[in-house]
Protein backbone atom coordinates (compact mmCIF):
# COMPACT_ATOMS: atom_id res chain seq x y z
CA MET A 1 -74.37 74.00 54.75
CA PRO A 2 -75.22 74.03 50.88
CA SER A 3 -77.63 76.46 49.46
CA ILE A 4 -81.40 75.31 47.63
CA ALA A 5 -80.09 76.83 44.61
CA GLN A 6 -76.79 74.35 45.03
CA ARG A 7 -78.65 71.81 46.08
CA GLN A 8 -80.79 71.96 42.26
CA MET A 9 -77.76 72.36 40.35
CA GLU A 10 -76.02 69.31 41.94
CA TYR A 11 -79.47 66.77 41.24
CA LEU A 12 -79.32 68.30 38.49
CA ASP A 13 -76.65 67.61 36.93
CA ARG A 14 -77.54 64.01 38.13
CA GLY A 15 -80.67 63.73 36.32
CA VAL A 16 -82.96 63.53 39.82
CA VAL A 17 -85.89 64.89 39.89
CA GLY A 18 -88.29 64.40 42.84
CA THR A 19 -87.22 63.87 45.91
CA PRO A 20 -83.55 63.92 45.66
CA ASP A 21 -83.11 64.10 49.54
CA GLY A 22 -85.41 60.57 50.58
CA ASN A 23 -87.45 62.51 53.68
CA GLY A 24 -89.26 63.88 50.13
CA ASN A 25 -88.15 67.29 51.67
CA ILE A 26 -86.76 68.85 48.69
CA PHE A 27 -88.30 68.31 45.59
CA VAL A 28 -86.07 69.36 42.23
CA SER A 29 -88.33 69.65 38.52
CA GLY A 30 -86.41 71.05 35.58
CA PRO A 31 -85.42 74.52 36.91
CA LEU A 32 -87.36 74.52 40.08
CA ALA A 33 -86.48 73.47 43.48
CA MET A 34 -88.29 73.10 46.77
CA ASP A 35 -87.26 72.69 50.45
CA VAL A 36 -89.94 72.55 52.54
CA VAL A 37 -88.34 72.61 55.48
CA ALA A 38 -86.14 75.42 54.74
CA LYS A 39 -89.41 76.80 53.00
CA THR A 40 -87.63 77.87 49.83
CA VAL A 41 -88.18 77.78 46.67
CA ALA A 42 -85.75 79.06 43.64
CA ILE A 43 -86.10 78.63 40.00
CA ASN A 44 -83.02 78.12 38.15
CA GLU A 45 -80.75 79.67 40.95
CA GLN A 46 -83.55 82.85 41.68
CA ASP A 47 -85.07 83.08 45.29
CA VAL A 48 -88.55 82.83 44.67
CA HIS A 49 -90.83 84.38 46.57
CA LEU A 50 -94.30 82.77 47.82
CA THR A 51 -97.40 83.66 50.31
CA ALA A 52 -98.14 80.48 52.29
CA LYS A 53 -100.96 79.44 50.17
CA GLU A 54 -98.76 79.57 47.30
CA PHE A 55 -96.52 77.37 48.89
CA GLN A 56 -98.64 74.93 50.40
CA LEU A 57 -100.05 74.28 46.89
CA LEU A 58 -96.58 74.42 45.36
CA GLU A 59 -95.71 71.30 47.61
CA TYR A 60 -98.83 70.04 47.21
CA LEU A 61 -98.42 70.05 43.45
CA LEU A 62 -95.07 68.60 43.28
CA ARG A 63 -95.99 66.03 46.20
CA HIS A 64 -99.33 64.32 43.42
CA LYS A 65 -96.66 65.35 40.63
CA GLY A 66 -97.76 63.08 37.78
CA GLU A 67 -101.45 60.98 39.76
C-alpha cells in the first residue's frame, strides 16, 4: 500500500485537489495531504504529528474548504 506521501505526490502530479479517493477519506490541498481513515497528515512528504483535536479541526476545515 502506498504511503500518504506517495499518494499525495501522485494526486499533485495529476493536479487533483480535494478528495482524490472519491470517498472523502483523503484530502489533498497544495503540499498538505490528510488520510482520515489512517489518521495521518503529511506536508511536503513529511509526516506531521497532530493532537486529536488538531486533527479534527484540520479535517473540518478541509471538508468545508471554500464555504
